[in-house]
Amino acid sequence: MDTGERWNYLVRLDEELLKGGIITSERTAFLIRHADLAFVHEAHPAAILTAVAAIETHLRAESPNGRTRLVDLIDSSDLEPELKAELQYIRKFRNSWVHVDDPWDDSVFLEESEQSEQALFDASQRALIALRKTVYSNPWV
């Protein structure tokens, strides 16, 4: 996909998933915009990290227990079980890039770079879909 195709992909996602309007914090909206920008410009780790930050910010705003770990925010949310499972997958994928056990293990970049790039692209797409499903889950009609 080129830049234009990635923008069109995001527009199609919004058209497909948004049924009405949403009310969200300006912080969440800011993070969504930056996750989109990262995706469009092929900064897939940044898109994943920023999408998860937006998801966490949104869930925290929706939760009466503001000071809770993301894993618990997801579990205690009123989201559909399939979406909760997807959010947990994305959270764990993000954690595998953020909480690295061996920062000197470069094999993923040296020996498996093409597979790594594809995995990051796929995860960034999944993260942006899950982000939208999460934020759009309670539309204001």
Protein backbone atom coordinates (compact mmCIF):
# COMPACT_ATOMS: atom_id res chain seq x y z
CA MET A 1 0.00 0.00 0.00
CA ASP A 2 1.20 3.49 -0.73
CA THR A 3 0.45 6.53 1.44
CA GLY A 4 -2.81 7.34 -0.33
CA GLU A 5 -4.03 3.77 -0.08
CA ARG A 6 -3.26 3.71 3.65
CA TRP A 7 -5.28 6.93 4.17
CA ASN A 8 -8.15 5.45 2.14
CA TYR A 9 -7.96 2.29 4.25
CA LEU A 10 -8.41 4.34 7.44
CA VAL A 11 -11.31 6.30 5.92
CA ARG A 12 -13.02 3.02 4.95
CA LEU A 13 -12.52 1.72 8.49
CA ASP A 14 -14.21 4.81 9.91
CA GLU A 15 -17.07 4.57 7.43
CA GLU A 16 -17.56 0.89 8.23
CA LEU A 17 -17.20 1.00 12.02
CA LEU A 18 -18.57 4.39 13.10
CA LYS A 19 -22.35 4.30 13.49
CA GLY A 20 -23.22 7.74 14.84
CA GLY A 21 -20.88 10.07 16.71
CA ILE A 22 -18.48 9.61 19.58
CA ILE A 23 -17.54 11.58 22.62
CA THR A 24 -13.97 11.13 23.71
CA SER A 25 -11.29 13.15 25.41
CA GLU A 26 -9.07 15.44 23.39
CA ARG A 27 -6.11 13.34 24.58
CA THR A 28 -7.65 10.22 23.04
CA ALA A 29 -8.43 12.07 19.79
CA PHE A 30 -4.83 13.34 19.67
CA LEU A 31 -3.47 9.82 20.13
CA ILE A 32 -5.79 8.43 17.44
CA ARG A 33 -4.58 11.07 14.97
CA HIS A 34 -0.96 10.22 15.73
CA ALA A 35 -1.55 6.45 15.50
CA ASP A 36 -3.10 7.08 12.08
CA LEU A 37 -0.17 9.25 10.99
CA ALA A 38 2.32 6.62 12.12
CA PHE A 39 0.45 3.91 10.19
CA VAL A 40 0.17 5.98 7.02
CA HIS A 41 3.90 6.74 7.11
CA GLU A 42 4.84 3.09 7.78
CA ALA A 43 6.06 3.67 11.33
CA HIS A 44 4.32 0.50 12.44
CA PRO A 45 5.86 0.14 15.93
CA ALA A 46 4.84 3.76 16.60
CA ALA A 47 1.33 3.08 15.28
CA ILE A 48 0.96 0.09 17.61
CA LEU A 49 2.34 1.87 20.66
CA THR A 50 0.22 4.96 20.05
CA ALA A 51 -2.93 2.96 19.29
CA VAL A 52 -2.54 1.04 22.56
CA ALA A 53 -1.99 4.33 24.40
CA ALA A 54 -5.23 5.68 22.88
CA ILE A 55 -7.10 2.49 23.82
CA GLU A 56 -5.81 2.69 27.38
CA THR A 57 -6.65 6.40 27.65
CA HIS A 58 -10.18 5.79 26.38
CA LEU A 59 -10.79 2.80 28.66
CA ARG A 60 -9.40 4.70 31.63
CA ALA A 61 -11.81 7.58 30.92
CA GLU A 62 -14.71 5.12 30.71
CA SER A 63 -13.75 3.22 33.88
CA PRO A 64 -14.66 4.15 37.45
CA ASN A 65 -11.31 2.59 38.52
CA GLY A 66 -8.99 5.07 36.80
CA ARG A 67 -5.77 3.73 38.32
CA THR A 68 -5.86 0.22 36.90
CA ARG A 69 -3.51 -1.77 34.71
CA LEU A 70 -4.45 -2.03 31.04
CA VAL A 71 -5.03 -5.78 31.32
CA ASP A 72 -7.63 -5.11 34.03
CA LEU A 73 -9.20 -2.18 32.18
CA ILE A 74 -9.78 -4.48 29.22
CA ASP A 75 -11.16 -7.33 31.33
CA SER A 76 -13.52 -5.09 33.31
CA SER A 77 -14.81 -3.16 30.28
CA ASP A 78 -18.23 -3.75 28.75
CA LEU A 79 -16.70 -4.55 25.37
CA GLU A 80 -17.63 -7.69 23.43
CA PRO A 81 -15.57 -10.78 24.38
CA GLU A 82 -14.03 -11.00 20.88
CA LEU A 83 -12.84 -7.39 21.08
CA LYS A 84 -11.46 -7.95 24.58
CA ALA A 85 -9.48 -10.94 23.26
CA GLU A 86 -8.15 -8.83 20.38
CA LEU A 87 -7.14 -6.04 22.76
CA GLN A 88 -5.29 -8.53 24.94
CA TYR A 89 -3.46 -9.86 21.86
CA ILE A 90 -2.43 -6.33 20.82
CA ARG A 91 -1.41 -5.48 24.40
CA LYS A 92 0.83 -8.55 24.52
CA PHE A 93 2.28 -7.80 21.08
CA ARG A 94 3.04 -4.25 22.22
CA ASN A 95 4.61 -5.60 25.40
CA SER A 96 6.91 -7.85 23.35
CA TRP A 97 8.38 -4.68 21.79
CA VAL A 98 8.35 -2.51 24.90
CA HIS A 99 9.48 -4.98 27.57
CA VAL A 100 12.38 -6.68 25.79
CA ASP A 101 14.25 -9.37 27.70
CA ASP A 102 17.39 -9.28 25.55
CA PRO A 103 17.89 -5.91 23.83
CA TRP A 104 21.03 -7.26 22.11
CA ASP A 105 19.13 -10.02 20.30
CA ASP A 106 19.03 -8.50 16.83
CA SER A 107 18.11 -11.68 14.95
CA VAL A 108 14.58 -10.43 14.30
CA PHE A 109 16.09 -7.52 12.35
CA LEU A 110 19.03 -9.30 10.73
CA GLU A 111 17.68 -12.74 9.87
CA GLU A 112 13.93 -12.24 9.72
CA SER A 113 13.56 -8.62 8.65
CA GLU A 114 10.91 -9.26 5.99
CA GLN A 115 8.80 -11.38 8.33
CA SER A 116 9.25 -8.79 11.09
CA GLU A 117 8.10 -5.97 8.84
CA GLN A 118 5.04 -7.98 7.79
CA ALA A 119 4.23 -8.89 11.40
CA LEU A 120 4.50 -5.22 12.41
CA PHE A 121 2.31 -4.13 9.50
CA ASP A 122 -0.31 -6.76 10.38
CA ALA A 123 -0.24 -5.84 14.07
CA SER A 124 -0.54 -2.14 13.29
CA GLN A 125 -3.62 -2.83 11.14
CA ARG A 126 -5.13 -4.94 13.91
CA ALA A 127 -4.34 -2.24 16.47
CA LEU A 128 -6.02 0.49 14.42
CA ILE A 129 -9.11 -1.65 13.88
CA ALA A 130 -9.30 -2.54 17.58
CA LEU A 131 -8.77 1.09 18.53
CA ARG A 132 -11.70 2.18 16.40
CA LYS A 133 -13.92 -0.66 17.61
CA THR A 134 -13.11 0.30 21.20
CA VAL A 135 -13.71 4.03 20.84
CA TYR A 136 -16.75 3.53 18.59
CA SER A 137 -18.27 0.81 20.80
CA ASN A 138 -20.68 3.19 22.48
CA PRO A 139 -21.80 5.59 19.73
CA TRP A 140 -23.64 8.76 20.56
CA VAL A 141 -26.61 8.79 18.20
